[in-house]
Amino acid sequence: MPTKKYQLAAYRQAALRPDYELDLGEGKSIVIRQPDVSEVCDLNGMTDPREVLKLLAKDEYEPLMEAISGEPGGVIQSLIDDLVRHFGLGK
């Protein structure tokens, strides 16, 4: 028999992160909600940065891509890295 009982509520509380707000300038911003467990599991094995960003940004994907499409190529990976760090998804 286990000697300790673990609480799902404790894991949930430790994992909660605020929304990610990206300031686009000129008073515009995009707000991205924290991904849920199913979405995080779907990230496994993804290598296409567009697909990763689509999964993380959800409904904000199109406006986000419109905002960054003319930027230098490294912007997309830096943005993904920041999202992963912000939401505590990295190791």
PDB file of N, CA and C in Angstrom:
ATOM      1  N   MET A   1       0.850  -1.186   0.000  1.00  0.00           N
ATOM      2  CA  MET A   1       0.000   0.000   0.000  1.00  0.00           C
ATOM      3  C   MET A   1       0.894   1.247   0.000  1.00  0.00           C
ATOM      4  N   PRO A   2       0.530   2.274  -0.821  1.00  0.00           N
ATOM      5  CA  PRO A   2       1.327   3.509  -0.868  1.00  0.00           C
ATOM      6  C   PRO A   2       1.382   4.197   0.491  1.00  0.00           C
ATOM      7  N   THR A   3       2.525   4.834   0.751  1.00  0.00           N
ATOM      8  CA  THR A   3       2.677   5.533   2.031  1.00  0.00           C
ATOM      9  C   THR A   3       2.287   6.997   1.940  1.00  0.00           C
ATOM     10  N   LYS A   4       2.126   7.494   0.724  1.00  0.00           N
ATOM     11  CA  LYS A   4       1.765   8.902   0.556  1.00  0.00           C
ATOM     12  C   LYS A   4       0.709   9.020  -0.534  1.00  0.00           C
ATOM     13  N   LYS A   5      -0.233   9.904  -0.330  1.00  0.00           N
ATOM     14  CA  LYS A   5      -1.276  10.166  -1.326  1.00  0.00           C
ATOM     15  C   LYS A   5      -0.945  11.491  -2.004  1.00  0.00           C
ATOM     16  N   TYR A   6      -0.854  11.485  -3.340  1.00  0.00           N
ATOM     17  CA  TYR A   6      -0.554  12.686  -4.109  1.00  0.00           C
ATOM     18  C   TYR A   6      -1.854  13.328  -4.575  1.00  0.00           C
ATOM     19  N   GLN A   7      -1.849  14.642  -4.662  1.00  0.00           N
ATOM     20  CA  GLN A   7      -3.062  15.387  -4.983  1.00  0.00           C
ATOM     21  C   GLN A   7      -2.975  16.028  -6.367  1.00  0.00           C
ATOM     22  N   LEU A   8      -3.946  15.726  -7.209  1.00  0.00           N
ATOM     23  CA  LEU A   8      -4.018  16.343  -8.527  1.00  0.00           C
ATOM     24  C   LEU A   8      -4.090  17.862  -8.401  1.00  0.00           C
ATOM     25  N   ALA A   9      -4.798  18.346  -7.412  1.00  0.00           N
ATOM     26  CA  ALA A   9      -4.936  19.793  -7.212  1.00  0.00           C
ATOM     27  C   ALA A   9      -3.574  20.463  -7.009  1.00  0.00           C
ATOM     28  N   ALA A  10      -2.654  19.781  -6.352  1.00  0.00           N
ATOM     29  CA  ALA A  10      -1.318  20.343  -6.137  1.00  0.00           C
ATOM     30  C   ALA A  10      -0.566  20.462  -7.454  1.00  0.00           C
ATOM     31  N   TYR A  11      -0.668  19.447  -8.307  1.00  0.00           N
ATOM     32  CA  TYR A  11      -0.024  19.508  -9.632  1.00  0.00           C
ATOM     33  C   TYR A  11      -0.633  20.630 -10.470  1.00  0.00           C
ATOM     34  N   ARG A  12      -1.957  20.731 -10.418  1.00  0.00           N
ATOM     35  CA  ARG A  12      -2.659  21.763 -11.180  1.00  0.00           C
ATOM     36  C   ARG A  12      -2.203  23.151 -10.746  1.00  0.00           C
ATOM     37  N   GLN A  13      -2.172  23.375  -9.443  1.00  0.00           N
ATOM     38  CA  GLN A  13      -1.781  24.684  -8.912  1.00  0.00           C
ATOM     39  C   GLN A  13      -0.347  25.030  -9.303  1.00  0.00           C
ATOM     40  N   ALA A  14       0.547  24.053  -9.246  1.00  0.00           N
ATOM     41  CA  ALA A  14       1.950  24.289  -9.593  1.00  0.00           C
ATOM     42  C   ALA A  14       2.128  24.580 -11.081  1.00  0.00           C
ATOM     43  N   ALA A  15       1.230  24.074 -11.911  1.00  0.00           N
ATOM     44  CA  ALA A  15       1.364  24.216 -13.363  1.00  0.00           C
ATOM     45  C   ALA A  15       0.692  25.472 -13.915  1.00  0.00           C
ATOM     46  N   LEU A  16      -0.180  26.099 -13.163  1.00  0.00           N
ATOM     47  CA  LEU A  16      -0.911  27.262 -13.666  1.00  0.00           C
ATOM     48  C   LEU A  16       0.030  28.404 -14.020  1.00  0.00           C
ATOM     49  N   ARG A  17      -0.168  28.972 -15.193  1.00  0.00           N
ATOM     50  CA  ARG A  17       0.616  30.117 -15.658  1.00  0.00           C
ATOM     51  C   ARG A  17      -0.352  31.162 -16.206  1.00  0.00           C
ATOM     52  N   PRO A  18       0.011  32.424 -16.104  1.00  0.00           N
ATOM     53  CA  PRO A  18      -0.842  33.465 -16.696  1.00  0.00           C
ATOM     54  C   PRO A  18      -0.786  33.395 -18.221  1.00  0.00           C
ATOM     55  N   ASP A  19      -1.752  34.028 -18.855  1.00  0.00           N
ATOM     56  CA  ASP A  19      -1.732  34.113 -20.314  1.00  0.00           C
ATOM     57  C   ASP A  19      -0.454  34.796 -20.779  1.00  0.00           C
ATOM     58  N   TYR A  20      -0.057  34.497 -21.984  1.00  0.00           N
ATOM     59  CA  TYR A  20       1.123  35.097 -22.614  1.00  0.00           C
ATOM     60  C   TYR A  20       0.624  36.232 -23.497  1.00  0.00           C
ATOM     61  N   GLU A  21       1.073  37.437 -23.233  1.00  0.00           N
ATOM     62  CA  GLU A  21       0.652  38.576 -24.053  1.00  0.00           C
ATOM     63  C   GLU A  21       1.848  39.090 -24.850  1.00  0.00           C
ATOM     64  N   LEU A  22       1.689  39.094 -26.156  1.00  0.00           N
ATOM     65  CA  LEU A  22       2.734  39.578 -27.056  1.00  0.00           C
ATOM     66  C   LEU A  22       2.348  40.967 -27.541  1.00  0.00           C
ATOM     67  N   ASP A  23       3.149  41.942 -27.190  1.00  0.00           N
ATOM     68  CA  ASP A  23       2.928  43.324 -27.599  1.00  0.00           C
ATOM     69  C   ASP A  23       3.408  43.487 -29.040  1.00  0.00           C
ATOM     70  N   LEU A  24       2.497  43.849 -29.928  1.00  0.00           N
ATOM     71  CA  LEU A  24       2.828  44.016 -31.339  1.00  0.00           C
ATOM     72  C   LEU A  24       3.200  45.454 -31.673  1.00  0.00           C
ATOM     73  N   GLY A  25       3.070  46.345 -30.705  1.00  0.00           N
ATOM     74  CA  GLY A  25       3.305  47.763 -30.953  1.00  0.00           C
ATOM     75  C   GLY A  25       2.023  48.437 -31.390  1.00  0.00           C
ATOM     76  N   GLU A  26       2.041  49.754 -31.435  1.00  0.00           N
ATOM     77  CA  GLU A  26       0.886  50.552 -31.859  1.00  0.00           C
ATOM     78  C   GLU A  26      -0.376  50.199 -31.078  1.00  0.00           C
ATOM     79  N   GLY A  27      -0.201  49.828 -29.805  1.00  0.00           N
ATOM     80  CA  GLY A  27      -1.352  49.527 -28.955  1.00  0.00           C
ATOM     81  C   GLY A  27      -2.012  48.188 -29.218  1.00  0.00           C
ATOM     82  N   LYS A  28      -1.404  47.345 -30.045  1.00  0.00           N
ATOM     83  CA  LYS A  28      -1.985  46.032 -30.369  1.00  0.00           C
ATOM     84  C   LYS A  28      -1.214  44.938 -29.645  1.00  0.00           C
ATOM     85  N   SER A  29      -1.934  43.902 -29.254  1.00  0.00           N
ATOM     86  CA  SER A  29      -1.294  42.747 -28.645  1.00  0.00           C
ATOM     87  C   SER A  29      -2.090  41.489 -28.965  1.00  0.00           C
ATOM     88  N   ILE A  30      -1.436  40.365 -28.778  1.00  0.00           N
ATOM     89  CA  ILE A  30      -2.057  39.053 -28.957  1.00  0.00           C
ATOM     90  C   ILE A  30      -1.911  38.324 -27.633  1.00  0.00           C
ATOM     91  N   VAL A  31      -2.997  37.727 -27.159  1.00  0.00           N
ATOM     92  CA  VAL A  31      -2.992  37.002 -25.899  1.00  0.00           C
ATOM     93  C   VAL A  31      -3.171  35.514 -26.196  1.00  0.00           C
ATOM     94  N   ILE A  32      -2.241  34.717 -25.664  1.00  0.00           N
ATOM     95  CA  ILE A  32      -2.257  33.268 -25.881  1.00  0.00           C
ATOM     96  C   ILE A  32      -2.492  32.584 -24.543  1.00  0.00           C
ATOM     97  N   ARG A  33      -3.502  31.717 -24.517  1.00  0.00           N
ATOM     98  CA  ARG A  33      -3.849  30.969 -23.303  1.00  0.00           C
ATOM     99  C   ARG A  33      -2.918  29.765 -23.119  1.00  0.00           C
ATOM    100  N   GLN A  34      -2.768  29.341 -21.894  1.00  0.00           N
ATOM    101  CA  GLN A  34      -1.948  28.180 -21.573  1.00  0.00           C
ATOM    102  C   GLN A  34      -2.516  26.919 -22.238  1.00  0.00           C
ATOM    103  N   PRO A  35      -1.649  26.113 -22.853  1.00  0.00           N
ATOM    104  CA  PRO A  35      -2.143  24.863 -23.445  1.00  0.00           C
ATOM    105  C   PRO A  35      -2.541  23.866 -22.362  1.00  0.00           C
ATOM    106  N   ASP A  36      -3.482  22.992 -22.718  1.00  0.00           N
ATOM    107  CA  ASP A  36      -3.880  21.949 -21.770  1.00  0.00           C
ATOM    108  C   ASP A  36      -3.043  20.687 -22.015  1.00  0.00           C
ATOM    109  N   VAL A  37      -3.267  19.662 -21.211  1.00  0.00           N
ATOM    110  CA  VAL A  37      -2.471  18.439 -21.291  1.00  0.00           C
ATOM    111  C   VAL A  37      -2.565  17.807 -22.677  1.00  0.00           C
ATOM    112  N   SER A  38      -3.746  17.749 -23.251  1.00  0.00           N
ATOM    113  CA  SER A  38      -3.902  17.143 -24.581  1.00  0.00           C
ATOM    114  C   SER A  38      -3.083  17.884 -25.632  1.00  0.00           C
ATOM    115  N   GLU A  39      -3.102  19.202 -25.567  1.00  0.00           N
ATOM    116  CA  GLU A  39      -2.332  20.001 -26.521  1.00  0.00           C
ATOM    117  C   GLU A  39      -0.834  19.794 -26.330  1.00  0.00           C
ATOM    118  N   VAL A  40      -0.392  19.725 -25.089  1.00  0.00           N
ATOM    119  CA  VAL A  40       1.031  19.489 -24.820  1.00  0.00           C
ATOM    120  C   VAL A  40       1.444  18.118 -25.353  1.00  0.00           C
ATOM    121  N   CYS A  41       0.608  17.119 -25.168  1.00  0.00           N
ATOM    122  CA  CYS A  41       0.917  15.781 -25.693  1.00  0.00           C
ATOM    123  C   CYS A  41       0.995  15.796 -27.216  1.00  0.00           C
ATOM    124  N   ASP A  42       0.162  16.601 -27.858  1.00  0.00           N
ATOM    125  CA  ASP A  42       0.186  16.701 -29.315  1.00  0.00           C
ATOM    126  C   ASP A  42       1.478  17.338 -29.831  1.00  0.00           C
ATOM    127  N   LEU A  43       2.174  18.094 -28.988  1.00  0.00           N
ATOM    128  CA  LEU A  43       3.441  18.709 -29.389  1.00  0.00           C
ATOM    129  C   LEU A  43       4.540  17.679 -29.616  1.00  0.00           C
ATOM    130  N   ASN A  44       4.425  16.537 -28.967  1.00  0.00           N
ATOM    131  CA  ASN A  44       5.460  15.515 -29.032  1.00  0.00           C
ATOM    132  C   ASN A  44       5.756  15.110 -30.482  1.00  0.00           C
ATOM    133  N   GLY A  45       6.988  15.275 -30.877  1.00  0.00           N
ATOM    134  CA  GLY A  45       7.410  14.878 -32.216  1.00  0.00           C
ATOM    135  C   GLY A  45       7.202  15.923 -33.289  1.00  0.00           C
ATOM    136  N   MET A  46       6.550  17.031 -32.970  1.00  0.00           N
ATOM    137  CA  MET A  46       6.348  18.084 -33.973  1.00  0.00           C
ATOM    138  C   MET A  46       7.678  18.757 -34.271  1.00  0.00           C
ATOM    139  N   THR A  47       7.969  18.924 -35.555  1.00  0.00           N
ATOM    140  CA  THR A  47       9.204  19.600 -35.945  1.00  0.00           C
ATOM    141  C   THR A  47       8.941  20.851 -36.775  1.00  0.00           C
ATOM    142  N   ASP A  48       7.762  20.971 -37.357  1.00  0.00           N
ATOM    143  CA  ASP A  48       7.423  22.137 -38.178  1.00  0.00           C
ATOM    144  C   ASP A  48       7.039  23.286 -37.253  1.00  0.00           C
ATOM    145  N   PRO A  49       7.814  24.383 -37.244  1.00  0.00           N
ATOM    146  CA  PRO A  49       7.511  25.483 -36.328  1.00  0.00           C
ATOM    147  C   PRO A  49       6.125  26.072 -36.535  1.00  0.00           C
ATOM    148  N   ARG A  50       5.615  26.033 -37.766  1.00  0.00           N
ATOM    149  CA  ARG A  50       4.254  26.545 -37.992  1.00  0.00           C
ATOM    150  C   ARG A  50       3.227  25.703 -37.250  1.00  0.00           C
ATOM    151  N   GLU A  51       3.409  24.396 -37.275  1.00  0.00           N
ATOM    152  CA  GLU A  51       2.470  23.507 -36.587  1.00  0.00           C
ATOM    153  C   GLU A  51       2.553  23.679 -35.072  1.00  0.00           C
ATOM    154  N   VAL A  52       3.767  23.832 -34.558  1.00  0.00           N
ATOM    155  CA  VAL A  52       3.946  24.064 -33.127  1.00  0.00           C
ATOM    156  C   VAL A  52       3.259  25.363 -32.715  1.00  0.00           C
ATOM    157  N   LEU A  53       3.503  26.412 -33.483  1.00  0.00           N
ATOM    158  CA  LEU A  53       2.896  27.708 -33.176  1.00  0.00           C
ATOM    159  C   LEU A  53       1.381  27.653 -33.312  1.00  0.00           C
ATOM    160  N   LYS A  54       0.891  26.935 -34.296  1.00  0.00           N
ATOM    161  CA  LYS A  54      -0.559  26.791 -34.478  1.00  0.00           C
ATOM    162  C   LYS A  54      -1.186  26.125 -33.258  1.00  0.00           C
ATOM    163  N   LEU A  55      -0.533  25.103 -32.741  1.00  0.00           N
ATOM    164  CA  LEU A  55      -1.064  24.403 -31.583  1.00  0.00           C
ATOM    165  C   LEU A  55      -1.004  25.274 -30.331  1.00  0.00           C
ATOM    166  N   LEU A  56       0.097  25.998 -30.155  1.00  0.00           N
ATOM    167  CA  LEU A  56       0.241  26.838 -28.966  1.00  0.00           C
ATOM    168  C   LEU A  56      -0.635  28.090 -29.021  1.00  0.00           C
ATOM    169  N   ALA A  57      -0.723  28.712 -30.183  1.00  0.00           N
ATOM    170  CA  ALA A  57      -1.444  29.983 -30.306  1.00  0.00           C
ATOM    171  C   ALA A  57      -2.953  29.808 -30.492  1.00  0.00           C
ATOM    172  N   LYS A  58      -3.359  28.643 -30.883  1.00  0.00           N
ATOM    173  CA  LYS A  58      -4.779  28.333 -31.074  1.00  0.00           C
ATOM    174  C   LYS A  58      -5.467  29.361 -31.980  1.00  0.00           C
ATOM    175  N   ASP A  59      -6.508  30.020 -31.480  1.00  0.00           N
ATOM    176  CA  ASP A  59      -7.288  30.975 -32.279  1.00  0.00           C
ATOM    177  C   ASP A  59      -6.493  32.214 -32.678  1.00  0.00           C
ATOM    178  N   GLU A  60      -5.377  32.427 -32.037  1.00  0.00           N
ATOM    179  CA  GLU A  60      -4.551  33.600 -32.346  1.00  0.00           C
ATOM    180  C   GLU A  60      -3.484  33.309 -33.405  1.00  0.00           C
ATOM    181  N   TYR A  61      -3.478  32.085 -33.931  1.00  0.00           N
ATOM    182  CA  TYR A  61      -2.447  31.701 -34.894  1.00  0.00           C
ATOM    183  C   TYR A  61      -2.419  32.609 -36.125  1.00  0.00           C
ATOM    184  N   GLU A  62      -3.557  32.811 -36.765  1.00  0.00           N
ATOM    185  CA  GLU A  62      -3.587  33.621 -37.998  1.00  0.00           C
ATOM    186  C   GLU A  62      -3.127  35.057 -37.752  1.00  0.00           C
ATOM    187  N   PRO A  63      -3.678  35.743 -36.734  1.00  0.00           N
ATOM    188  CA  PRO A  63      -3.186  37.099 -36.498  1.00  0.00           C
ATOM    189  C   PRO A  63      -1.703  37.120 -36.102  1.00  0.00           C
ATOM    190  N   LEU A  64      -1.264  36.101 -35.393  1.00  0.00           N
ATOM    191  CA  LEU A  64       0.139  36.034 -35.007  1.00  0.00           C
ATOM    192  C   LEU A  64       1.032  35.858 -36.223  1.00  0.00           C
ATOM    193  N   MET A  65       0.668  34.946 -37.111  1.00  0.00           N
ATOM    194  CA  MET A  65       1.464  34.738 -38.326  1.00  0.00           C
ATOM    195  C   MET A  65       1.455  35.977 -39.208  1.00  0.00           C
ATOM    196  N   GLU A  66       0.330  36.657 -39.259  1.00  0.00           N
ATOM    197  CA  GLU A  66       0.265  37.903 -40.026  1.00  0.00           C
ATOM    198  C   GLU A  66       1.237  38.940 -39.449  1.00  0.00           C
ATOM    199  N   ALA A  67       1.325  38.977 -38.128  1.00  0.00           N
ATOM    200  CA  ALA A  67       2.196  39.950 -37.463  1.00  0.00           C
ATOM    201  C   ALA A  67       3.676  39.639 -37.661  1.00  0.00           C
ATOM    202  N   ILE A  68       4.045  38.353 -37.711  1.00  0.00           N
ATOM    203  CA  ILE A  68       5.469  38.005 -37.770  1.00  0.00           C
ATOM    204  C   ILE A  68       5.950  37.584 -39.151  1.00  0.00           C
ATOM    205  N   SER A  69       5.064  37.441 -40.114  1.00  0.00           N
ATOM    206  CA  SER A  69       5.448  36.857 -41.413  1.00  0.00           C
ATOM    207  C   SER A  69       6.576  37.605 -42.126  1.00  0.00           C
ATOM    208  N   GLY A  70       6.697  38.900 -41.963  1.00  0.00           N
ATOM    209  CA  GLY A  70       7.754  39.654 -42.626  1.00  0.00           C
ATOM    210  C   GLY A  70       9.015  39.826 -41.793  1.00  0.00           C
ATOM    211  N   GLU A  71       9.020  39.246 -40.603  1.00  0.00           N
ATOM    212  CA  GLU A  71      10.160  39.379 -39.696  1.00  0.00           C
ATOM    213  C   GLU A  71      11.272  38.401 -40.079  1.00  0.00           C
ATOM    214  N   PRO A  72      12.490  38.600 -39.555  1.00  0.00           N
ATOM    215  CA  PRO A  72      13.574  37.642 -39.812  1.00  0.00           C
ATOM    216  C   PRO A  72      13.176  36.237 -39.349  1.00  0.00           C
ATOM    217  N   GLY A  73      13.683  35.230 -40.026  1.00  0.00           N
ATOM    218  CA  GLY A  73      13.292  33.839 -39.779  1.00  0.00           C
ATOM    219  C   GLY A  73      13.449  33.363 -38.353  1.00  0.00           C
ATOM    220  N   GLY A  74      14.444  33.861 -37.640  1.00  0.00           N
ATOM    221  CA  GLY A  74      14.676  33.419 -36.268  1.00  0.00           C
ATOM    222  C   GLY A  74      13.605  33.839 -35.286  1.00  0.00           C
ATOM    223  N   VAL A  75      12.754  34.778 -35.680  1.00  0.00           N
ATOM    224  CA  VAL A  75      11.703  35.264 -34.778  1.00  0.00           C
ATOM    225  C   VAL A  75      10.761  34.138 -34.382  1.00  0.00           C
ATOM    226  N   ILE A  76      10.407  33.263 -35.310  1.00  0.00           N
ATOM    227  CA  ILE A  76       9.419  32.220 -34.991  1.00  0.00           C
ATOM    228  C   ILE A  76       9.959  31.263 -33.938  1.00  0.00           C
ATOM    229  N   GLN A  77      11.223  30.882 -34.043  1.00  0.00           N
ATOM    230  CA  GLN A  77      11.779  29.953 -33.053  1.00  0.00           C
ATOM    231  C   GLN A  77      11.946  30.628 -31.698  1.00  0.00           C
ATOM    232  N   SER A  78      12.364  31.885 -31.708  1.00  0.00           N
ATOM    233  CA  SER A  78      12.484  32.620 -30.438  1.00  0.00           C
ATOM    234  C   SER A  78      11.132  32.747 -29.752  1.00  0.00           C
ATOM    235  N   LEU A  79      10.099  33.007 -30.529  1.00  0.00           N
ATOM    236  CA  LEU A  79       8.743  33.113 -29.983  1.00  0.00           C
ATOM    237  C   LEU A  79       8.291  31.778 -29.394  1.00  0.00           C
ATOM    238  N   ILE A  80       8.524  30.695 -30.125  1.00  0.00           N
ATOM    239  CA  ILE A  80       8.156  29.365 -29.630  1.00  0.00           C
ATOM    240  C   ILE A  80       8.916  29.058 -28.343  1.00  0.00           C
ATOM    241  N   ASP A  81      10.216  29.354 -28.331  1.00  0.00           N
ATOM    242  CA  ASP A  81      11.021  29.105 -27.129  1.00  0.00           C
ATOM    243  C   ASP A  81      10.471  29.877 -25.935  1.00  0.00           C
ATOM    244  N   ASP A  82      10.090  31.133 -26.145  1.00  0.00           N
ATOM    245  CA  ASP A  82       9.530  31.944 -25.059  1.00  0.00           C
ATOM    246  C   ASP A  82       8.194  31.385 -24.575  1.00  0.00           C
ATOM    247  N   LEU A  83       7.350  30.954 -25.496  1.00  0.00           N
ATOM    248  CA  LEU A  83       6.065  30.360 -25.110  1.00  0.00           C
ATOM    249  C   LEU A  83       6.282  29.104 -24.274  1.00  0.00           C
ATOM    250  N   VAL A  84       7.194  28.258 -24.713  1.00  0.00           N
ATOM    251  CA  VAL A  84       7.490  27.011 -23.998  1.00  0.00           C
ATOM    252  C   VAL A  84       7.995  27.328 -22.588  1.00  0.00           C
ATOM    253  N   ARG A  85       8.904  28.294 -22.473  1.00  0.00           N
ATOM    254  CA  ARG A  85       9.426  28.678 -21.151  1.00  0.00           C
ATOM    255  C   ARG A  85       8.316  29.290 -20.281  1.00  0.00           C
ATOM    256  N   HIS A  86       7.555  30.194 -20.883  1.00  0.00           N
ATOM    257  CA  HIS A  86       6.506  30.905 -20.134  1.00  0.00           C
ATOM    258  C   HIS A  86       5.499  29.920 -19.535  1.00  0.00           C
ATOM    259  N   PHE A  87       5.111  28.910 -20.313  1.00  0.00           N
ATOM    260  CA  PHE A  87       4.109  27.965 -19.862  1.00  0.00           C
ATOM    261  C   PHE A  87       4.706  26.770 -19.112  1.00  0.00           C
ATOM    262  N   GLY A  88       6.027  26.784 -18.904  1.00  0.00           N
ATOM    263  CA  GLY A  88       6.666  25.732 -18.130  1.00  0.00           C
ATOM    264  C   GLY A  88       6.668  24.383 -18.813  1.00  0.00           C
ATOM    265  N   LEU A  89       6.801  24.388 -20.142  1.00  0.00           N
ATOM    266  CA  LEU A  89       6.730  23.133 -20.891  1.00  0.00           C
ATOM    267  C   LEU A  89       8.104  22.527 -21.177  1.00  0.00           C
ATOM    268  N   GLY A  90       9.168  23.287 -20.937  1.00  0.00           N
ATOM    269  CA  GLY A  90      10.516  22.780 -21.180  1.00  0.00           C
ATOM    270  C   GLY A  90      11.000  21.927 -20.032  1.00  0.00           C
ATOM    271  N   LYS A  91      12.093  21.251 -20.304  1.00  0.00           N
ATOM    272  CA  LYS A  91      12.666  20.385 -19.260  1.00  0.00           C
ATOM    273  C   LYS A  91      13.690  21.131 -18.459  1.00  0.00           C
TER     274      LYS A  91
END
